[in-house]
Amino acid sequence: MRLRTALLGSRAALLFMIATCSTLSLAAPAPYYLWQGKHKTVCAQTSPGKGWTKVSGGFVKSDCSI
């Protein structure tokens, strides 16, 4: 009985690890956006703070070139 319970537990753990790894492999990097402030324009994945407006976005590179 103990062996059967141990096998079921290890199977469940193996299935959980496979499911977790398969979803992690589908993750994509976050896009970069061009943000405009009062006196400056920056490229970032998230807003630099209050007062910044998203000008354009969906860039792959961190310098917002593509």
PDB file of N, CA and C in Angstrom:
ATOM      1  N   MET A   1       0.814  -1.190   0.000  1.00  0.00           N
ATOM      2  CA  MET A   1       0.000   0.000   0.000  1.00  0.00           C
ATOM      3  C   MET A   1       0.864   1.264   0.000  1.00  0.00           C
ATOM      4  N   ARG A   2       1.926   1.252   0.797  1.00  0.00           N
ATOM      5  CA  ARG A   2       2.812   2.420   0.848  1.00  0.00           C
ATOM      6  C   ARG A   2       3.492   2.659  -0.490  1.00  0.00           C
ATOM      7  N   LEU A   3       3.902   1.555  -1.131  1.00  0.00           N
ATOM      8  CA  LEU A   3       4.578   1.671  -2.422  1.00  0.00           C
ATOM      9  C   LEU A   3       3.636   2.264  -3.462  1.00  0.00           C
ATOM     10  N   ARG A   4       2.388   1.835  -3.436  1.00  0.00           N
ATOM     11  CA  ARG A   4       1.405   2.346  -4.379  1.00  0.00           C
ATOM     12  C   ARG A   4       1.165   3.845  -4.168  1.00  0.00           C
ATOM     13  N   THR A   5       1.071   4.270  -2.927  1.00  0.00           N
ATOM     14  CA  THR A   5       0.883   5.686  -2.604  1.00  0.00           C
ATOM     15  C   THR A   5       2.102   6.500  -3.026  1.00  0.00           C
ATOM     16  N   ALA A   6       3.284   5.958  -2.810  1.00  0.00           N
ATOM     17  CA  ALA A   6       4.512   6.655  -3.195  1.00  0.00           C
ATOM     18  C   ALA A   6       4.599   6.800  -4.713  1.00  0.00           C
ATOM     19  N   LEU A   7       4.199   5.761  -5.444  1.00  0.00           N
ATOM     20  CA  LEU A   7       4.228   5.835  -6.905  1.00  0.00           C
ATOM     21  C   LEU A   7       3.227   6.858  -7.429  1.00  0.00           C
ATOM     22  N   LEU A   8       2.049   6.907  -6.835  1.00  0.00           N
ATOM     23  CA  LEU A   8       1.048   7.893  -7.258  1.00  0.00           C
ATOM     24  C   LEU A   8       1.530   9.311  -6.978  1.00  0.00           C
ATOM     25  N   GLY A   9       2.183   9.516  -5.849  1.00  0.00           N
ATOM     26  CA  GLY A   9       2.720  10.834  -5.509  1.00  0.00           C
ATOM     27  C   GLY A   9       3.823  11.256  -6.458  1.00  0.00           C
ATOM     28  N   SER A  10       4.696  10.322  -6.816  1.00  0.00           N
ATOM     29  CA  SER A  10       5.788  10.670  -7.724  1.00  0.00           C
ATOM     30  C   SER A  10       5.267  10.899  -9.139  1.00  0.00           C
ATOM     31  N   ARG A  11       4.226  10.183  -9.539  1.00  0.00           N
ATOM     32  CA  ARG A  11       3.618  10.425 -10.851  1.00  0.00           C
ATOM     33  C   ARG A  11       2.984  11.809 -10.901  1.00  0.00           C
ATOM     34  N   ALA A  12       2.302  12.173  -9.840  1.00  0.00           N
ATOM     35  CA  ALA A  12       1.669  13.491  -9.785  1.00  0.00           C
ATOM     36  C   ALA A  12       2.733  14.589  -9.842  1.00  0.00           C
ATOM     37  N   ALA A  13       3.819  14.397  -9.124  1.00  0.00           N
ATOM     38  CA  ALA A  13       4.895  15.395  -9.138  1.00  0.00           C
ATOM     39  C   ALA A  13       5.524  15.497 -10.527  1.00  0.00           C
ATOM     40  N   LEU A  14       5.706  14.368 -11.185  1.00  0.00           N
ATOM     41  CA  LEU A  14       6.277  14.366 -12.532  1.00  0.00           C
ATOM     42  C   LEU A  14       5.347  15.074 -13.520  1.00  0.00           C
ATOM     43  N   LEU A  15       4.049  14.799 -13.448  1.00  0.00           N
ATOM     44  CA  LEU A  15       3.090  15.467 -14.325  1.00  0.00           C
ATOM     45  C   LEU A  15       3.055  16.969 -14.077  1.00  0.00           C
ATOM     46  N   PHE A  16       3.150  17.368 -12.817  1.00  0.00           N
ATOM     47  CA  PHE A  16       3.170  18.792 -12.479  1.00  0.00           C
ATOM     48  C   PHE A  16       4.403  19.472 -13.058  1.00  0.00           C
ATOM     49  N   MET A  17       5.559  18.822 -12.952  1.00  0.00           N
ATOM     50  CA  MET A  17       6.794  19.404 -13.486  1.00  0.00           C
ATOM     51  C   MET A  17       6.731  19.511 -15.015  1.00  0.00           C
ATOM     52  N   ILE A  18       6.192  18.520 -15.671  1.00  0.00           N
ATOM     53  CA  ILE A  18       6.077  18.564 -17.134  1.00  0.00           C
ATOM     54  C   ILE A  18       5.139  19.686 -17.556  1.00  0.00           C
ATOM     55  N   ALA A  19       4.006  19.823 -16.879  1.00  0.00           N
ATOM     56  CA  ALA A  19       3.051  20.884 -17.217  1.00  0.00           C
ATOM     57  C   ALA A  19       3.650  22.260 -16.992  1.00  0.00           C
ATOM     58  N   THR A  20       4.382  22.430 -15.907  1.00  0.00           N
ATOM     59  CA  THR A  20       5.003  23.713 -15.607  1.00  0.00           C
ATOM     60  C   THR A  20       6.078  24.064 -16.628  1.00  0.00           C
ATOM     61  N   CYS A  21       6.920  23.132 -16.954  1.00  0.00           N
ATOM     62  CA  CYS A  21       7.995  23.385 -17.921  1.00  0.00           C
ATOM     63  C   CYS A  21       7.453  23.661 -19.311  1.00  0.00           C
ATOM     64  N   SER A  22       6.376  22.992 -19.686  1.00  0.00           N
ATOM     65  CA  SER A  22       5.833  23.209 -21.028  1.00  0.00           C
ATOM     66  C   SER A  22       5.217  24.592 -21.165  1.00  0.00           C
ATOM     67  N   THR A  23       4.620  25.127 -20.114  1.00  0.00           N
ATOM     68  CA  THR A  23       4.053  26.474 -20.201  1.00  0.00           C
ATOM     69  C   THR A  23       5.138  27.535 -20.133  1.00  0.00           C
ATOM     70  N   LEU A  24       6.215  27.277 -19.431  1.00  0.00           N
ATOM     71  CA  LEU A  24       7.306  28.247 -19.367  1.00  0.00           C
ATOM     72  C   LEU A  24       8.002  28.390 -20.715  1.00  0.00           C
ATOM     73  N   SER A  25       8.034  27.342 -21.482  1.00  0.00           N
ATOM     74  CA  SER A  25       8.719  27.414 -22.777  1.00  0.00           C
ATOM     75  C   SER A  25       7.933  28.242 -23.794  1.00  0.00           C
ATOM     76  N   LEU A  26       6.665  28.523 -23.525  1.00  0.00           N
ATOM     77  CA  LEU A  26       5.846  29.307 -24.438  1.00  0.00           C
ATOM     78  C   LEU A  26       5.873  30.803 -24.126  1.00  0.00           C
ATOM     79  N   ALA A  27       6.508  31.193 -23.053  1.00  0.00           N
ATOM     80  CA  ALA A  27       6.530  32.605 -22.653  1.00  0.00           C
ATOM     81  C   ALA A  27       7.368  33.431 -23.626  1.00  0.00           C
ATOM     82  N   ALA A  28       6.890  34.624 -23.922  1.00  0.00           N
ATOM     83  CA  ALA A  28       7.603  35.533 -24.822  1.00  0.00           C
ATOM     84  C   ALA A  28       8.122  36.730 -24.025  1.00  0.00           C
ATOM     85  N   PRO A  29       9.191  37.374 -24.501  1.00  0.00           N
ATOM     86  CA  PRO A  29       9.688  38.551 -23.796  1.00  0.00           C
ATOM     87  C   PRO A  29       8.694  39.713 -23.895  1.00  0.00           C
ATOM     88  N   ALA A  30       8.706  40.564 -22.902  1.00  0.00           N
ATOM     89  CA  ALA A  30       7.815  41.727 -22.899  1.00  0.00           C
ATOM     90  C   ALA A  30       8.302  42.760 -23.912  1.00  0.00           C
ATOM     91  N   PRO A  31       7.391  43.413 -24.615  1.00  0.00           N
ATOM     92  CA  PRO A  31       7.797  44.422 -25.607  1.00  0.00           C
ATOM     93  C   PRO A  31       8.249  45.721 -24.942  1.00  0.00           C
ATOM     94  N   TYR A  32       9.014  46.501 -25.688  1.00  0.00           N
ATOM     95  CA  TYR A  32       9.478  47.811 -25.226  1.00  0.00           C
ATOM     96  C   TYR A  32       8.605  48.894 -25.844  1.00  0.00           C
ATOM     97  N   TYR A  33       8.419  49.984 -25.110  1.00  0.00           N
ATOM     98  CA  TYR A  33       7.612  51.103 -25.584  1.00  0.00           C
ATOM     99  C   TYR A  33       8.408  52.395 -25.491  1.00  0.00           C
ATOM    100  N   LEU A  34       8.080  53.340 -26.348  1.00  0.00           N
ATOM    101  CA  LEU A  34       8.688  54.662 -26.331  1.00  0.00           C
ATOM    102  C   LEU A  34       7.806  55.551 -25.463  1.00  0.00           C
ATOM    103  N   TRP A  35       8.379  56.128 -24.409  1.00  0.00           N
ATOM    104  CA  TRP A  35       7.652  56.957 -23.448  1.00  0.00           C
ATOM    105  C   TRP A  35       8.119  58.398 -23.553  1.00  0.00           C
ATOM    106  N   GLN A  36       7.188  59.344 -23.539  1.00  0.00           N
ATOM    107  CA  GLN A  36       7.487  60.777 -23.640  1.00  0.00           C
ATOM    108  C   GLN A  36       7.174  61.455 -22.315  1.00  0.00           C
ATOM    109  N   GLY A  37       8.196  62.152 -21.780  1.00  0.00           N
ATOM    110  CA  GLY A  37       8.019  62.970 -20.585  1.00  0.00           C
ATOM    111  C   GLY A  37       8.028  64.439 -20.969  1.00  0.00           C
ATOM    112  N   LYS A  38       8.165  65.320 -19.979  1.00  0.00           N
ATOM    113  CA  LYS A  38       8.187  66.760 -20.284  1.00  0.00           C
ATOM    114  C   LYS A  38       9.391  67.148 -21.126  1.00  0.00           C
ATOM    115  N   HIS A  39      10.576  66.639 -20.753  1.00  0.00           N
ATOM    116  CA  HIS A  39      11.804  67.061 -21.433  1.00  0.00           C
ATOM    117  C   HIS A  39      12.612  65.897 -21.999  1.00  0.00           C
ATOM    118  N   LYS A  40      12.052  64.702 -21.971  1.00  0.00           N
ATOM    119  CA  LYS A  40      12.846  63.538 -22.339  1.00  0.00           C
ATOM    120  C   LYS A  40      11.966  62.449 -22.945  1.00  0.00           C
ATOM    121  N   THR A  41      12.567  61.623 -23.803  1.00  0.00           N
ATOM    122  CA  THR A  41      11.919  60.440 -24.361  1.00  0.00           C
ATOM    123  C   THR A  41      12.788  59.239 -24.021  1.00  0.00           C
ATOM    124  N   VAL A  42      12.165  58.189 -23.476  1.00  0.00           N
ATOM    125  CA  VAL A  42      12.919  56.995 -23.095  1.00  0.00           C
ATOM    126  C   VAL A  42      12.234  55.743 -23.657  1.00  0.00           C
ATOM    127  N   CYS A  43      13.003  54.678 -23.736  1.00  0.00           N
ATOM    128  CA  CYS A  43      12.501  53.392 -24.183  1.00  0.00           C
ATOM    129  C   CYS A  43      12.495  52.454 -22.975  1.00  0.00           C
ATOM    130  N   ALA A  44      11.328  51.911 -22.617  1.00  0.00           N
ATOM    131  CA  ALA A  44      11.226  51.023 -21.456  1.00  0.00           C
ATOM    132  C   ALA A  44      10.052  50.064 -21.641  1.00  0.00           C
ATOM    133  N   GLN A  45      10.061  48.981 -20.859  1.00  0.00           N
ATOM    134  CA  GLN A  45       8.976  48.007 -20.938  1.00  0.00           C
ATOM    135  C   GLN A  45       7.749  48.467 -20.155  1.00  0.00           C
ATOM    136  N   THR A  46       7.959  49.233 -19.113  1.00  0.00           N
ATOM    137  CA  THR A  46       6.853  49.755 -18.307  1.00  0.00           C
ATOM    138  C   THR A  46       7.008  51.265 -18.161  1.00  0.00           C
ATOM    139  N   SER A  47       5.971  51.908 -17.703  1.00  0.00           N
ATOM    140  CA  SER A  47       5.999  53.361 -17.549  1.00  0.00           C
ATOM    141  C   SER A  47       7.064  53.785 -16.538  1.00  0.00           C
ATOM    142  N   PRO A  48       7.851  54.825 -16.862  1.00  0.00           N
ATOM    143  CA  PRO A  48       8.860  55.316 -15.921  1.00  0.00           C
ATOM    144  C   PRO A  48       8.249  56.002 -14.700  1.00  0.00           C
ATOM    145  N   GLY A  49       6.979  56.301 -14.732  1.00  0.00           N
ATOM    146  CA  GLY A  49       6.326  56.924 -13.579  1.00  0.00           C
ATOM    147  C   GLY A  49       5.200  57.840 -14.010  1.00  0.00           C
ATOM    148  N   LYS A  50       4.765  58.681 -13.067  1.00  0.00           N
ATOM    149  CA  LYS A  50       3.682  59.623 -13.349  1.00  0.00           C
ATOM    150  C   LYS A  50       4.130  60.664 -14.362  1.00  0.00           C
ATOM    151  N   GLY A  51       3.213  61.071 -15.216  1.00  0.00           N
ATOM    152  CA  GLY A  51       3.517  62.123 -16.168  1.00  0.00           C
ATOM    153  C   GLY A  51       4.121  61.644 -17.477  1.00  0.00           C
ATOM    154  N   TRP A  52       4.293  60.351 -17.649  1.00  0.00           N
ATOM    155  CA  TRP A  52       4.857  59.804 -18.878  1.00  0.00           C
ATOM    156  C   TRP A  52       3.730  59.276 -19.757  1.00  0.00           C
ATOM    157  N   THR A  53       3.831  59.518 -21.066  1.00  0.00           N
ATOM    158  CA  THR A  53       2.830  59.073 -22.026  1.00  0.00           C
ATOM    159  C   THR A  53       3.463  58.112 -23.022  1.00  0.00           C
ATOM    160  N   LYS A  54       2.756  57.034 -23.329  1.00  0.00           N
ATOM    161  CA  LYS A  54       3.259  56.065 -24.301  1.00  0.00           C
ATOM    162  C   LYS A  54       3.090  56.651 -25.696  1.00  0.00           C
ATOM    163  N   VAL A  55       4.211  56.810 -26.420  1.00  0.00           N
ATOM    164  CA  VAL A  55       4.195  57.399 -27.748  1.00  0.00           C
ATOM    165  C   VAL A  55       3.969  56.315 -28.808  1.00  0.00           C
ATOM    166  N   SER A  56       4.756  55.275 -28.775  1.00  0.00           N
ATOM    167  CA  SER A  56       4.610  54.151 -29.695  1.00  0.00           C
ATOM    168  C   SER A  56       5.122  52.899 -29.002  1.00  0.00           C
ATOM    169  N   GLY A  57       4.897  51.756 -29.598  1.00  0.00           N
ATOM    170  CA  GLY A  57       5.336  50.581 -28.885  1.00  0.00           C
ATOM    171  C   GLY A  57       5.291  49.296 -29.653  1.00  0.00           C
ATOM    172  N   GLY A  58       5.629  48.254 -28.913  1.00  0.00           N
ATOM    173  CA  GLY A  58       5.716  46.938 -29.476  1.00  0.00           C
ATOM    174  C   GLY A  58       7.077  46.620 -30.050  1.00  0.00           C
ATOM    175  N   PHE A  59       8.110  47.330 -29.580  1.00  0.00           N
ATOM    176  CA  PHE A  59       9.476  47.104 -30.079  1.00  0.00           C
ATOM    177  C   PHE A  59      10.083  45.877 -29.432  1.00  0.00           C
ATOM    178  N   VAL A  60      10.970  45.201 -30.156  1.00  0.00           N
ATOM    179  CA  VAL A  60      11.646  44.022 -29.644  1.00  0.00           C
ATOM    180  C   VAL A  60      12.947  44.395 -28.951  1.00  0.00           C
ATOM    181  N   LYS A  61      13.669  45.347 -29.524  1.00  0.00           N
ATOM    182  CA  LYS A  61      14.968  45.755 -28.975  1.00  0.00           C
ATOM    183  C   LYS A  61      14.792  46.825 -27.886  1.00  0.00           C
ATOM    184  N   SER A  62      15.735  46.844 -26.947  1.00  0.00           N
ATOM    185  CA  SER A  62      15.643  47.775 -25.823  1.00  0.00           C
ATOM    186  C   SER A  62      15.960  49.220 -26.178  1.00  0.00           C
ATOM    187  N   ASP A  63      16.423  49.459 -27.407  1.00  0.00           N
ATOM    188  CA  ASP A  63      16.659  50.852 -27.833  1.00  0.00           C
ATOM    189  C   ASP A  63      15.520  51.354 -28.724  1.00  0.00           C
ATOM    190  N   CYS A  64      14.418  50.583 -28.777  1.00  0.00           N
ATOM    191  CA  CYS A  64      13.215  50.923 -29.548  1.00  0.00           C
ATOM    192  C   CYS A  64      13.520  51.155 -31.031  1.00  0.00           C
ATOM    193  N   SER A  65      14.474  50.424 -31.575  1.00  0.00           N
ATOM    194  CA  SER A  65      14.831  50.602 -32.979  1.00  0.00           C
ATOM    195  C   SER A  65      13.996  49.732 -33.916  1.00  0.00           C
ATOM    196  N   ILE A  66      13.505  48.612 -33.425  1.00  0.00           N
ATOM    197  CA  ILE A  66      12.692  47.722 -34.292  1.00  0.00           C
ATOM    198  C   ILE A  66      11.422  47.357 -33.560  1.00  0.00           C
TER     199      ILE A  66
END
